[in-house]
Structures are given as structure tokens and as C-alpha cells.
Amino acid sequence: MTVYLVGAGPGDPGLLTRRGAELLARADVVLHDRLVSPAVLDLVPPTAQLIDVGKGPDTADGSGGRQDEIARLLVEHGRASAVVVRLKGGDPFLFGRGGEEVDVLEQAGIAWEVVPGVTSAFGVPAAVGIPVTHRGLASSVAVVTGRVGDAGGVGGPDWEALAQAGGTLVILMGMTTRAAVADALLRGGRAPDTPVAVIARGTTAGQRVVRTSLAGLAEVDLGPPAVIVVGPVAALGAGAPTGAGPLAGRTVVVTRSGRSARALVGALEAAGAATLELPLTHQIDPSDGGAALRAAAAGVRENRWVVLTSVNAVERFMAELRDARALGDVQVAAVGPATADALRRAGVEPDLVPARHSAQGLVDEFPAPGGSGARLVLFPSADLAADTVTEGLGRLGWDVRRVEAYRTVPLGAPDPELVARVTAADALTFSATSSVRAFLALRTQEGAPVPPPDHVVCIGPTTAAAARAAGLDGVHEAPDASPGAIIAELVGLLGPGADDDS
């Protein structure tokens, strides 16, 4: 039994280390910070327990006993579970209180390992072209926090010494105290015209950079999380790299989760788009705890076909089947390439993948029963899956046994700031009616409606119909569920030469 303190990096999930990703993939319990990317949490197996132990802006210093509760949970789960991951933003040992958590584990006699992460202090400035050291400009760098010391936030570090030391000063967690920090540095002797760069939500799609001076720092209000760079190097770099591709300069909201989200996000970024991840739902065990699915897997050879219409269904069903050889001569249908690839990872080559990657496309290509053999089709699916497969195959003469493989439930309300940024995006994507319902549930913040972007791209006619019925405007339907089809629809709407008023 070991507790692993893993650094999640500065924001971009691609900056997570390979060691960190490997541990998350086999974790039993993950205790994570508030701002860890959903894309990183998607690496955790569905059987693992996720515990949000993040501190909000008003408790970022760990006051009020919150850190004591984290310590208690680390010891409790460290004694009971084989692989416990304490997932921390940036690096665990840079203002992450990782040292204190290691002390707690040591005292409890629990084995531990630290997996370093890319710290935002260096990774975020680098992402916008700012080197924290540069020959002739800065031969040293100091990293401090604006959230230590007295109530003004400037009683901890020796600001006068920092002001006189020269070099680069990187301030973390300092947006709420930026005025006091600037005043302390000015009083310590730093020149008012010292270059300053403020980088909010660094390395993510919502990254923003403001260049100013030390005298003007108090007027910059980007909101946390932000990194403040003070010194001559802050004038270097040209901001976020300029994207290329047909969707360059566009922001697209992705409401998928799990591996399907990763594939879509990767395709969007390859097309030049910035992505804003807003996972709205997640999957939990079926209402019967999986009893029906286990029974169906045990008797799988009674069926002539197994039909699978999502990666989640594949993973849940194959986990119960355990050995692909148990299928015998039962044929398997996959709704599209992502589902087919999930089957291949489990050692099964699908017998049918329709050209049109949708439930209706699968029904249209599905063979009639024929002959006098069994007419049973096993359909492990989500509780909210549409009846397209059940009814369509039934009309062909098949006896479809639908089994609940998992349930789709809404996630908790996201950060209001994230919801507000959705409106400013260029397009919103939906992959299921459950996501449409979850989005509608969070469209109202403090009584004011939050409108979606001008373009809403849906996968499948059922999802598009649900979006239109909900009163959303600018609803478009992608030809199928593949990332390529979604990209093609978005390029037609937002790419070069597209009419933004379409």
C-alpha cells in the first residue's frame, strides 16, 4: 500500500508526466485538487474513488482545518487501498504542502512516493515565450507566494530584499494581493516601470496574458489562477503561440468526457482550435450494482449478436466477460470507430461497424435474423440510451435483450467563471441527450440566463432534436460521431470563408 503524491502540471493535460499517467490508470483512490483538468481525471479507471479535496480561493492557505481533513483522508485510504494518488496541481513540493503531507504519512508508517510535476512557476511563463532567466537580463529567479503572512498577503516574504535582489520574481497565488505586493516592491526599490506579465489559466484554452508595469499591476484583474512575472524578462515573448489550421482563432466547447473527449480535443487542437472542456455528466454503476450485466456476460453464448454503442459499454461489458474467448461464435457490432477500437483493445475484432456511425446507421446495416437459429441480441447500454437500437432491431425480427451497463448522471455544477466562458466560445458540442439536459440545468446562474455560443453541433438526430426542443438556436448535426465528422461540420460553420451568420 503506497500513497503517491503526483504533480498534475500547470493546466494542460499533455504536460502530465508518463509516470503520473501510469499511476492514475491503476489508482484505487484519487484525492485531487480543485483546478486539476478533467482530462487528467479521465485517466482514472471508472472503478476508482475520486475525492475532491480542493480548496477554494478563500481557503487556499489551508486554514480552517481543511488541510487536517486532507491528512486524515490520506492516512485512512493509505491504510486501506493498494494505490492511492494525491493529485496536486503543478508540482507537489512547490507551495503544494506536499512536504507536510509526506510528514503525515511518515508518522502513520505509510509508504509514499513523490512524482514531480511541471510547476506553473516555470511552465506557464515558458508557454507564452517568457524565459524566467535570460543572459544579460536575469541570472536568477525567485518564486514566492502572495498568500502567505499577514492579512495583507505581504508579511511573509522579505519584499524589500526581493525588490533589491534584481533578477526575475515569479509570484503564485498573488492576484488577490497584487496591489499590496506591488506597493511592497515599489517601497523596496523596484522601479515603477519594471515590466510585469500576468498570465491567467496558463497552458489551457482559456489562457490570457496581460503586459503591464509594476506601477500598473494593481489595475490588472484577470482572476485566479494566475502567474505574475516581474522583471525585464516579462517584456519578452509574444504571448500564446498563434495556431494554424482551419479553426485557428476559434474556441470550441467539448462536453464529452473520457477517451472520447480526448480524441475530439486532440482533433480540434490539430485543426487549430482552442478547446474549453465542460464535462457535464459522468458514468456510475448500474442501479442493480451490475448483477444483470454479470448474468448476461455469463450467458453470452445464448445470443447471436452483442451490440455496443459506446466505449463505456464496451469497458463495462468486457470487464464482466473477462476473456474475449468467452464470446465463442457470437458476433459483435460496434456503432463507430471509437467503440470498435475499444473492442480491439479488449481483444475483439468487431463483425460490424456501420459506415454511418450512429445508432440508426447500425440498425440500417444490421442483417435480418434469417434461418431458424436463435434470434437473441444482447444490448448492454446506458440507462438513458435512446430506443433506436431496441426498436429498430425489433422491427427486423430480432429479440433484443437490453441490459443496463451503467448510468449517466450529471456532474456537480462547474465553476461559474467556466460557465460564463462558454458563452464567449464560438461553438458548443453535444454527444448525447443527457449532456443537453445537464447543460440546461446549469444555464441559469443567479437568476440570469447564460446563452450558449452561436453554433451548437450535435452528434446524431436524437441529440440535435433534444437541443432544438430545449430552445437552443444554431443547432447543427454532424454526419456521424467521429472527431473528423465533427471537425468537418465546424470548419463549414467557422472555417475560412464561412459565413459567421449562418
Protein backbone atom coordinates (compact mmCIF):
# COMPACT_ATOMS: atom_id res chain seq x y z
CA MET A 1 0.00 0.00 0.00
CA THR A 2 1.50 3.29 -1.15
CA VAL A 3 0.39 6.90 -1.40
CA TYR A 4 1.74 8.67 -4.49
CA LEU A 5 1.96 12.47 -4.48
CA VAL A 6 1.61 13.24 -8.18
CA GLY A 7 2.08 16.64 -9.80
CA ALA A 8 -0.61 17.29 -12.42
CA GLY A 9 1.32 20.10 -14.10
CA PRO A 10 0.28 23.69 -14.81
CA GLY A 11 -3.02 23.03 -16.58
CA ASP A 12 -2.54 21.41 -19.97
CA PRO A 13 -3.18 17.66 -19.50
CA GLY A 14 -0.45 16.95 -22.05
CA LEU A 15 2.12 18.18 -19.52
CA LEU A 16 1.37 15.39 -17.04
CA THR A 17 4.35 13.04 -16.72
CA ARG A 18 4.20 9.48 -18.04
CA ARG A 19 4.77 8.16 -14.53
CA GLY A 20 1.85 10.21 -13.25
CA ALA A 21 -0.44 8.94 -16.02
CA GLU A 22 0.56 5.34 -15.32
CA LEU A 23 -0.27 5.66 -11.62
CA LEU A 24 -3.61 7.30 -12.31
CA ALA A 25 -4.52 4.45 -14.67
CA ARG A 26 -4.21 1.91 -11.86
CA ALA A 27 -5.34 4.02 -8.91
CA ASP A 28 -7.85 2.76 -6.36
CA VAL A 29 -8.41 6.20 -4.79
CA VAL A 30 -7.54 9.68 -6.11
CA LEU A 31 -7.64 12.75 -3.85
CA HIS A 32 -7.40 15.70 -6.23
CA ASP A 33 -7.11 19.47 -6.14
CA ARG A 34 -9.94 21.73 -7.32
CA LEU A 35 -8.31 23.00 -10.53
CA VAL A 36 -6.96 19.71 -11.89
CA SER A 37 -8.06 19.31 -15.52
CA PRO A 38 -10.99 16.94 -16.16
CA ALA A 39 -8.85 15.46 -18.92
CA VAL A 40 -6.37 14.28 -16.30
CA LEU A 41 -9.12 12.82 -14.13
CA ASP A 42 -10.39 10.92 -17.17
CA LEU A 43 -7.26 8.76 -16.90
CA VAL A 44 -8.60 7.28 -13.67
CA PRO A 45 -10.40 3.93 -14.07
CA PRO A 46 -14.18 4.06 -13.51
CA THR A 47 -13.83 1.71 -10.54
CA ALA A 48 -11.60 4.15 -8.63
CA GLN A 49 -12.91 6.52 -5.98
CA LEU A 50 -12.48 10.21 -6.83
CA ILE A 51 -12.38 12.63 -3.89
CA ASP A 52 -12.28 16.39 -4.48
CA VAL A 53 -10.19 17.87 -1.68
CA GLY A 54 -9.57 21.18 -3.42
CA LYS A 55 -9.50 24.45 -1.57
CA GLY A 56 -11.36 27.46 -2.89
CA PRO A 57 -9.79 30.91 -3.14
CA ASP A 58 -10.84 31.70 0.42
CA THR A 59 -9.11 28.61 1.83
CA ALA A 60 -6.08 28.35 -0.45
CA ASP A 61 -3.73 28.65 2.50
CA GLY A 62 -5.21 25.52 4.01
CA SER A 63 -6.68 27.32 7.03
CA GLY A 64 -9.82 26.33 8.84
CA GLY A 65 -8.80 22.72 9.33
CA ARG A 66 -9.11 21.79 5.65
CA GLN A 67 -5.54 20.52 5.50
CA ASP A 68 -6.19 18.43 8.60
CA GLU A 69 -9.08 16.75 6.79
CA ILE A 70 -6.85 16.01 3.79
CA ALA A 71 -4.27 14.47 6.13
CA ARG A 72 -6.95 12.30 7.72
CA LEU A 73 -8.16 11.06 4.33
CA LEU A 74 -4.60 10.29 3.20
CA VAL A 75 -3.99 8.11 6.24
CA GLU A 76 -7.42 6.45 6.08
CA HIS A 77 -7.15 5.48 2.43
CA GLY A 78 -3.41 4.87 2.57
CA ARG A 79 -4.03 2.09 5.08
CA ALA A 80 -6.98 0.57 3.21
CA SER A 81 -6.14 0.80 -0.52
CA ALA A 82 -3.28 -0.50 -2.65
CA VAL A 83 -2.73 2.57 -4.85
CA VAL A 84 -3.70 5.99 -3.52
CA VAL A 85 -2.89 9.06 -5.61
CA ARG A 86 -2.77 12.52 -4.10
CA LEU A 87 -3.10 14.56 -7.30
CA LYS A 88 -1.86 18.12 -6.90
CA GLY A 89 -1.69 20.99 -9.38
CA GLY A 90 1.78 21.93 -10.61
CA ASP A 91 4.46 20.24 -8.52
CA PRO A 92 3.61 18.69 -5.12
CA PHE A 93 6.57 20.33 -3.37
CA LEU A 94 6.16 23.90 -4.61
CA PHE A 95 3.54 25.66 -2.47
CA GLY A 96 1.53 22.44 -2.58
CA ARG A 97 2.03 21.48 1.08
CA GLY A 98 3.38 18.19 -0.19
CA GLY A 99 6.11 18.20 2.44
CA GLU A 100 3.51 18.39 5.20
CA GLU A 101 1.54 15.53 3.70
CA VAL A 102 4.66 13.39 3.47
CA ASP A 103 5.31 14.09 7.18
CA VAL A 104 1.79 12.86 7.99
CA LEU A 105 2.34 9.66 6.00
CA GLU A 106 5.74 9.11 7.65
CA GLN A 107 4.23 9.43 11.11
CA ALA A 108 1.50 6.96 10.16
CA GLY A 109 4.02 4.46 8.81
CA ILE A 110 2.57 4.57 5.27
CA ALA A 111 4.82 4.17 2.24
CA TRP A 112 4.91 7.14 -0.12
CA GLU A 113 6.47 8.32 -3.37
CA VAL A 114 6.60 11.77 -4.95
CA VAL A 115 6.11 12.09 -8.71
CA PRO A 116 7.26 15.61 -9.68
CA GLY A 117 5.16 17.78 -11.95
CA VAL A 118 5.80 20.75 -14.22
CA THR A 119 5.42 23.74 -11.93
CA SER A 120 3.31 26.65 -13.12
CA ALA A 121 6.07 28.99 -11.91
CA PHE A 122 8.23 27.98 -14.87
CA GLY A 123 5.88 26.14 -17.23
CA VAL A 124 3.32 28.92 -17.60
CA PRO A 125 5.80 31.72 -18.46
CA ALA A 126 7.56 29.34 -20.88
CA ALA A 127 4.26 28.59 -22.64
CA VAL A 128 3.93 32.26 -23.61
CA GLY A 129 7.58 32.70 -24.55
CA ILE A 130 8.88 34.24 -21.32
CA PRO A 131 12.18 32.74 -20.10
CA VAL A 132 12.49 33.26 -16.36
CA THR A 133 16.27 33.56 -16.82
CA HIS A 134 17.96 35.19 -19.80
CA ARG A 135 21.58 36.12 -20.39
CA GLY A 136 22.06 39.82 -19.89
CA LEU A 137 18.62 40.33 -18.32
CA ALA A 138 18.17 37.91 -15.44
CA SER A 139 20.69 35.48 -13.95
CA SER A 140 18.48 34.48 -11.01
CA VAL A 141 14.84 33.75 -10.30
CA ALA A 142 12.86 33.73 -7.06
CA VAL A 143 9.46 32.06 -6.65
CA VAL A 144 7.19 33.37 -3.90
CA THR A 145 3.55 33.26 -2.99
CA GLY A 146 1.34 36.27 -2.46
CA ARG A 147 -0.79 34.31 0.00
CA VAL A 148 1.49 33.99 3.00
CA GLY A 149 1.93 36.06 6.09
CA ASP A 150 -0.47 38.68 7.41
CA ALA A 151 -3.95 39.53 6.17
CA GLY A 152 -2.49 41.85 3.56
CA GLY A 153 -0.67 38.95 1.98
CA VAL A 154 2.77 40.65 2.14
CA GLY A 155 4.01 39.78 5.62
CA GLY A 156 5.78 36.51 4.77
CA PRO A 157 8.44 37.07 2.11
CA ASP A 158 11.03 39.78 2.63
CA TRP A 159 9.72 42.00 -0.14
CA GLU A 160 12.39 44.63 0.38
CA ALA A 161 15.14 42.04 -0.11
CA LEU A 162 13.34 40.64 -3.15
CA ALA A 163 12.98 44.12 -4.61
CA GLN A 164 16.69 44.81 -4.25
CA ALA A 165 17.88 41.38 -5.41
CA GLY A 166 17.06 42.02 -9.06
CA GLY A 167 16.56 39.09 -11.38
CA THR A 168 13.12 37.62 -12.04
CA LEU A 169 10.38 37.37 -9.46
CA VAL A 170 7.59 34.84 -10.05
CA ILE A 171 4.57 35.26 -7.81
CA LEU A 172 1.99 32.49 -7.42
CA MET A 173 -1.43 32.90 -5.82
CA GLY A 174 -0.99 36.65 -5.83
CA MET A 175 -3.94 38.07 -7.76
CA THR A 176 -5.98 38.98 -4.71
CA THR A 177 -2.97 40.71 -3.10
CA ARG A 178 -1.39 42.16 -6.24
CA ALA A 179 -1.84 45.78 -5.14
CA ALA A 180 -0.16 45.18 -1.79
CA VAL A 181 2.63 43.16 -3.42
CA ALA A 182 3.29 45.89 -5.99
CA ASP A 183 3.34 48.53 -3.27
CA ALA A 184 5.80 46.50 -1.18
CA LEU A 185 8.14 46.01 -4.15
CA LEU A 186 7.98 49.71 -5.06
CA ARG A 187 8.75 50.71 -1.50
CA GLY A 188 11.62 48.22 -1.55
CA GLY A 189 13.22 49.97 -4.51
CA ARG A 190 11.94 48.30 -7.68
CA ALA A 191 11.33 50.85 -10.44
CA PRO A 192 7.70 51.67 -11.29
CA ASP A 193 8.34 50.88 -14.97
CA THR A 194 9.62 47.35 -14.24
CA PRO A 195 7.96 45.04 -16.81
CA VAL A 196 5.27 42.72 -15.48
CA ALA A 197 3.37 39.90 -17.20
CA VAL A 198 0.21 38.42 -15.72
CA ILE A 199 -0.73 35.03 -17.16
CA ALA A 200 -4.13 33.64 -16.20
CA ARG A 201 -5.17 30.00 -16.71
CA GLY A 202 -1.80 29.30 -18.30
CA THR A 203 -1.30 26.43 -20.79
CA THR A 204 -5.09 25.97 -21.11
CA ALA A 205 -7.54 27.05 -23.81
CA GLY A 206 -8.59 29.95 -21.58
CA GLN A 207 -5.07 31.35 -21.28
CA ARG A 208 -4.84 35.14 -21.15
CA VAL A 209 -1.75 37.34 -20.95
CA VAL A 210 -1.63 40.99 -19.89
CA ARG A 211 1.60 43.00 -20.12
CA THR A 212 1.94 45.93 -17.76
CA SER A 213 4.39 47.58 -15.37
CA LEU A 214 4.85 47.25 -11.65
CA ALA A 215 3.04 50.57 -11.22
CA GLY A 216 0.10 49.25 -13.23
CA LEU A 217 -0.15 45.76 -11.69
CA ALA A 218 -2.96 46.70 -9.31
CA GLU A 219 -5.19 47.55 -12.28
CA VAL A 220 -4.91 44.07 -13.84
CA ASP A 221 -7.81 41.85 -12.85
CA LEU A 222 -7.80 38.50 -14.65
CA GLY A 223 -8.86 36.38 -11.72
CA PRO A 224 -7.12 33.30 -10.37
CA PRO A 225 -5.31 31.09 -11.10
CA ALA A 226 -2.63 33.40 -12.43
CA VAL A 227 1.15 33.65 -12.50
CA ILE A 228 2.75 37.08 -12.12
CA VAL A 229 6.23 37.57 -13.61
CA VAL A 230 8.17 40.66 -12.51
CA GLY A 231 11.42 41.73 -14.15
CA PRO A 232 12.94 42.56 -17.54
CA VAL A 233 12.14 39.09 -18.95
CA ALA A 234 8.41 39.87 -18.59
CA ALA A 235 8.71 42.04 -21.70
CA LEU A 236 9.91 39.08 -23.78
CA GLY A 237 7.76 36.63 -25.73
CA ALA A 238 4.80 37.33 -27.93
CA GLY A 239 2.07 35.75 -25.85
CA ALA A 240 0.40 32.46 -26.68
CA PRO A 241 1.65 30.84 -29.87
CA THR A 242 -0.51 31.56 -32.89
CA GLY A 243 -2.39 28.48 -34.05
CA ALA A 244 -2.66 27.26 -37.59
CA GLY A 245 -5.36 25.27 -39.29
CA PRO A 246 -8.92 25.82 -40.49
CA LEU A 247 -10.21 26.50 -36.96
CA ALA A 248 -7.35 28.76 -35.84
CA GLY A 249 -8.59 31.50 -33.54
CA ARG A 250 -11.80 29.64 -32.70
CA THR A 251 -12.83 28.23 -29.33
CA VAL A 252 -14.98 25.11 -29.15
CA VAL A 253 -16.65 23.76 -26.02
CA VAL A 254 -16.38 19.98 -25.56
CA THR A 255 -18.98 18.43 -23.26
CA ARG A 256 -17.81 14.85 -23.72
CA SER A 257 -15.77 13.05 -21.07
CA GLY A 258 -13.37 10.13 -21.00
CA ARG A 259 -11.44 8.80 -24.00
CA SER A 260 -13.98 10.14 -26.48
CA ALA A 261 -13.28 13.65 -25.18
CA ARG A 262 -9.53 13.14 -25.59
CA ALA A 263 -9.96 12.10 -29.22
CA LEU A 264 -12.17 15.10 -30.01
CA VAL A 265 -9.97 17.58 -28.14
CA GLY A 266 -6.90 16.29 -29.97
CA ALA A 267 -8.63 16.61 -33.35
CA LEU A 268 -9.83 20.13 -32.58
CA GLU A 269 -6.39 21.27 -31.50
CA ALA A 270 -4.86 19.71 -34.62
CA ALA A 271 -7.32 21.85 -36.62
CA GLY A 272 -6.07 24.94 -34.78
CA ALA A 273 -8.98 25.42 -32.37
CA ALA A 274 -8.70 26.20 -28.68
CA THR A 275 -10.84 23.85 -26.62
CA LEU A 276 -12.83 24.51 -23.49
CA GLU A 277 -13.67 21.32 -21.63
CA LEU A 278 -17.00 21.37 -19.83
CA PRO A 279 -17.79 17.77 -18.82
CA LEU A 280 -21.44 17.69 -17.81
CA THR A 281 -22.08 14.04 -16.97
CA HIS A 282 -20.25 11.01 -15.69
CA GLN A 283 -20.93 7.32 -15.54
CA ILE A 284 -21.68 5.29 -12.43
CA ASP A 285 -22.57 1.67 -11.74
CA PRO A 286 -25.97 0.36 -12.87
CA SER A 287 -28.83 0.54 -10.40
CA ASP A 288 -28.59 -3.18 -9.61
CA GLY A 289 -24.87 -3.00 -8.95
CA GLY A 290 -24.13 -4.84 -12.18
CA ALA A 291 -25.97 -8.07 -11.39
CA ALA A 292 -27.87 -8.16 -14.70
CA LEU A 293 -24.74 -7.37 -16.70
CA ARG A 294 -22.79 -10.13 -14.95
CA ALA A 295 -25.57 -12.61 -15.69
CA ALA A 296 -25.70 -11.52 -19.34
CA ALA A 297 -21.93 -11.91 -19.68
CA ALA A 298 -22.05 -15.38 -18.12
CA GLY A 299 -24.71 -16.47 -20.62
CA VAL A 300 -23.37 -14.54 -23.61
CA ARG A 301 -23.32 -17.58 -25.91
CA GLU A 302 -27.12 -17.70 -25.84
CA ASN A 303 -27.03 -14.68 -28.17
CA ARG A 304 -26.22 -14.42 -31.85
CA TRP A 305 -25.08 -10.81 -31.54
CA VAL A 306 -23.80 -8.35 -28.96
CA VAL A 307 -24.40 -4.72 -29.89
CA LEU A 308 -22.28 -1.99 -28.29
CA THR A 309 -22.86 1.71 -28.88
CA SER A 310 -20.30 3.38 -26.61
CA VAL A 311 -16.80 2.95 -25.27
CA ASN A 312 -18.22 2.89 -21.74
CA ALA A 313 -20.49 -0.03 -22.64
CA VAL A 314 -17.51 -1.93 -24.08
CA GLU A 315 -15.42 -1.39 -20.97
CA ARG A 316 -18.19 -2.37 -18.60
CA PHE A 317 -19.24 -5.46 -20.58
CA MET A 318 -15.71 -6.73 -21.25
CA ALA A 319 -14.82 -6.27 -17.57
CA GLU A 320 -17.59 -8.75 -16.72
CA LEU A 321 -16.77 -11.08 -19.62
CA ARG A 322 -13.06 -11.12 -18.57
CA ASP A 323 -11.93 -13.29 -21.51
CA ALA A 324 -12.74 -12.47 -25.13
CA ARG A 325 -12.74 -16.18 -25.92
CA ALA A 326 -15.95 -16.50 -23.92
CA LEU A 327 -17.80 -14.96 -26.88
CA GLY A 328 -17.30 -18.10 -28.93
CA ASP A 329 -19.04 -17.60 -32.29
CA VAL A 330 -21.23 -14.73 -31.03
CA GLN A 331 -20.92 -11.78 -33.42
CA VAL A 332 -20.25 -8.26 -32.18
CA ALA A 333 -21.38 -4.92 -33.61
CA ALA A 334 -19.82 -1.55 -32.77
CA VAL A 335 -21.54 1.75 -33.51
CA GLY A 336 -18.39 3.53 -34.71
CA PRO A 337 -14.59 3.59 -34.78
CA ALA A 338 -14.06 4.66 -31.16
CA THR A 339 -16.24 1.79 -29.91
CA ALA A 340 -14.55 -0.58 -32.35
CA ASP A 341 -11.10 0.46 -31.10
CA ALA A 342 -12.20 -0.14 -27.51
CA LEU A 343 -13.24 -3.67 -28.53
CA ARG A 344 -9.90 -4.25 -30.23
CA ARG A 345 -8.07 -3.18 -27.06
CA ALA A 346 -10.03 -5.92 -25.31
CA GLY A 347 -9.04 -8.49 -27.93
CA VAL A 348 -12.24 -8.49 -30.00
CA GLU A 349 -12.46 -7.62 -33.70
CA PRO A 350 -16.00 -6.31 -34.40
CA ASP A 351 -18.01 -8.07 -37.10
CA LEU A 352 -20.00 -4.94 -37.98
CA VAL A 353 -19.07 -1.24 -37.91
CA PRO A 354 -21.61 0.77 -39.94
CA ALA A 355 -20.48 3.34 -42.49
CA ARG A 356 -22.69 5.91 -40.76
CA HIS A 357 -21.53 5.97 -37.16
CA SER A 358 -24.83 6.27 -35.32
CA ALA A 359 -27.42 4.02 -33.75
CA GLN A 360 -29.66 4.43 -36.79
CA GLY A 361 -26.73 3.73 -39.10
CA LEU A 362 -26.12 0.48 -37.23
CA VAL A 363 -29.78 -0.51 -37.50
CA ASP A 364 -29.77 0.25 -41.22
CA GLU A 365 -26.84 -2.12 -41.86
CA PHE A 366 -27.80 -4.83 -39.39
CA PRO A 367 -28.69 -8.17 -41.03
CA ALA A 368 -32.09 -9.80 -40.71
CA PRO A 369 -32.19 -12.93 -38.47
CA GLY A 370 -32.70 -15.48 -41.24
CA GLY A 371 -32.74 -19.23 -40.71
CA SER A 372 -34.12 -20.98 -37.64
CA GLY A 373 -31.36 -20.18 -35.14
CA ALA A 374 -31.52 -18.03 -32.04
CA ARG A 375 -32.73 -14.51 -32.58
CA LEU A 376 -31.31 -13.03 -29.40
CA VAL A 377 -29.31 -9.80 -29.43
CA LEU A 378 -27.62 -8.61 -26.24
CA PHE A 379 -27.54 -4.82 -25.94
CA PRO A 380 -25.53 -3.55 -22.90
CA SER A 381 -26.17 0.17 -22.77
CA ALA A 382 -26.54 3.28 -20.67
CA ASP A 383 -29.74 3.74 -18.73
CA LEU A 384 -30.57 6.83 -20.80
CA ALA A 385 -29.71 5.40 -24.23
CA ALA A 386 -32.39 6.02 -26.85
CA ASP A 387 -34.61 3.16 -28.03
CA THR A 388 -33.26 3.38 -31.61
CA VAL A 389 -31.39 0.06 -31.44
CA THR A 390 -34.02 -1.83 -29.45
CA GLU A 391 -36.92 -0.77 -31.63
CA GLY A 392 -35.03 -0.85 -34.94
CA LEU A 393 -33.66 -4.37 -34.48
CA GLY A 394 -37.01 -5.49 -33.14
CA ARG A 395 -38.64 -4.44 -36.40
CA LEU A 396 -36.08 -6.59 -38.23
CA GLY A 397 -37.24 -9.61 -36.25
CA TRP A 398 -34.58 -9.76 -33.54
CA ASP A 399 -35.32 -10.33 -29.85
CA VAL A 400 -33.26 -7.60 -28.18
CA ARG A 401 -32.25 -8.02 -24.54
CA ARG A 402 -31.28 -4.61 -23.28
CA VAL A 403 -29.17 -4.66 -20.12
CA GLU A 404 -28.20 -1.61 -18.09
CA ALA A 405 -24.38 -1.47 -18.16
CA TYR A 406 -24.02 1.93 -16.47
CA ARG A 407 -25.93 5.04 -15.55
CA THR A 408 -25.23 8.56 -16.79
CA VAL A 409 -25.71 11.24 -14.13
CA PRO A 410 -25.00 14.99 -14.10
CA LEU A 411 -21.78 16.24 -12.59
CA GLY A 412 -21.87 18.91 -9.94
CA ALA A 413 -22.19 22.49 -11.12
CA PRO A 414 -18.90 23.71 -12.63
CA ASP A 415 -17.15 26.91 -11.65
CA PRO A 416 -19.45 29.85 -12.63
CA GLU A 417 -16.48 31.50 -14.33
CA LEU A 418 -16.13 28.45 -16.58
CA VAL A 419 -19.84 28.55 -17.46
CA ALA A 420 -19.54 32.24 -18.36
CA ARG A 421 -16.64 31.49 -20.70
CA VAL A 422 -18.86 29.04 -22.60
CA THR A 423 -20.95 31.93 -23.90
CA ALA A 424 -17.88 33.63 -25.37
CA ALA A 425 -16.87 30.48 -27.28
CA ASP A 426 -17.60 30.03 -30.98
CA ALA A 427 -19.31 26.64 -30.79
CA LEU A 428 -20.64 24.07 -28.33
CA THR A 429 -20.70 20.31 -28.98
CA PHE A 430 -23.12 17.72 -27.60
CA SER A 431 -22.73 13.96 -27.96
CA ALA A 432 -25.84 12.79 -26.08
CA THR A 433 -29.23 13.97 -24.89
CA SER A 434 -28.04 13.55 -21.29
CA SER A 435 -25.47 16.29 -21.92
CA VAL A 436 -28.16 18.56 -23.35
CA ARG A 437 -30.26 18.09 -20.21
CA ALA A 438 -27.26 18.68 -17.95
CA PHE A 439 -26.37 21.86 -19.84
CA LEU A 440 -29.89 23.20 -19.47
CA ALA A 441 -29.70 22.59 -15.74
CA LEU A 442 -26.73 24.94 -15.39
CA ARG A 443 -27.80 27.63 -17.87
CA THR A 444 -29.06 29.84 -15.04
CA GLN A 445 -26.56 31.47 -12.75
CA GLU A 446 -28.05 33.66 -10.03
CA GLY A 447 -31.27 34.01 -11.97
CA ALA A 448 -29.74 35.26 -15.24
CA PRO A 449 -29.86 33.04 -18.33
CA VAL A 450 -26.47 32.05 -19.73
CA PRO A 451 -26.84 31.75 -23.51
CA PRO A 452 -24.84 29.13 -25.42
CA PRO A 453 -22.49 30.06 -28.29
CA ASP A 454 -23.98 30.87 -31.69
CA HIS A 455 -23.32 27.37 -33.05
CA VAL A 456 -24.34 24.10 -31.37
CA VAL A 457 -23.07 20.95 -33.09
CA CYS A 458 -24.75 17.70 -32.09
CA ILE A 459 -23.95 14.06 -32.75
CA GLY A 460 -26.98 12.25 -34.13
CA PRO A 461 -30.54 13.32 -34.88
CA THR A 462 -31.82 12.44 -31.39
CA THR A 463 -29.35 14.77 -29.67
CA ALA A 464 -29.98 17.53 -32.23
CA ALA A 465 -33.74 17.19 -31.73
CA ALA A 466 -33.30 17.44 -27.96
CA ALA A 467 -31.22 20.60 -28.34
CA ARG A 468 -33.82 22.21 -30.61
CA ALA A 469 -36.66 21.16 -28.31
CA ALA A 470 -34.79 22.83 -25.45
CA GLY A 471 -34.92 26.11 -27.36
CA LEU A 472 -31.26 26.30 -28.34
CA ASP A 473 -30.55 28.22 -31.55
CA GLY A 474 -28.00 27.50 -34.25
CA VAL A 475 -28.25 23.71 -33.84
CA HIS A 476 -26.36 21.66 -36.44
CA GLU A 477 -25.99 17.89 -36.80
CA ALA A 478 -22.63 16.25 -37.52
CA PRO A 479 -22.87 13.47 -40.10
CA ASP A 480 -21.57 10.91 -37.57
CA ALA A 481 -19.92 10.64 -34.18
CA SER A 482 -16.31 10.59 -35.36
CA PRO A 483 -13.99 13.51 -34.50
CA GLY A 484 -13.40 14.01 -38.22
CA ALA A 485 -17.10 14.47 -38.92
CA ILE A 486 -17.43 16.99 -36.08
CA ILE A 487 -14.39 18.90 -37.32
CA ALA A 488 -15.80 18.97 -40.86
CA GLU A 489 -19.09 20.43 -39.61
CA LEU A 490 -17.28 23.06 -37.55
CA VAL A 491 -14.99 24.01 -40.43
CA GLY A 492 -18.05 24.51 -42.61
CA LEU A 493 -19.51 26.82 -39.98
CA LEU A 494 -16.41 28.61 -38.71
CA GLY A 495 -13.53 27.93 -41.10
CA PRO A 496 -12.02 30.27 -43.68
CA GLY A 497 -14.71 31.65 -45.96
CA ALA A 498 -17.57 30.50 -43.71
CA ASP A 499 -20.38 32.92 -43.08
CA ASP A 500 -20.44 33.63 -39.34
CA ASP A 501 -24.12 34.50 -39.61
CA SER A 502 -25.03 31.04 -40.97
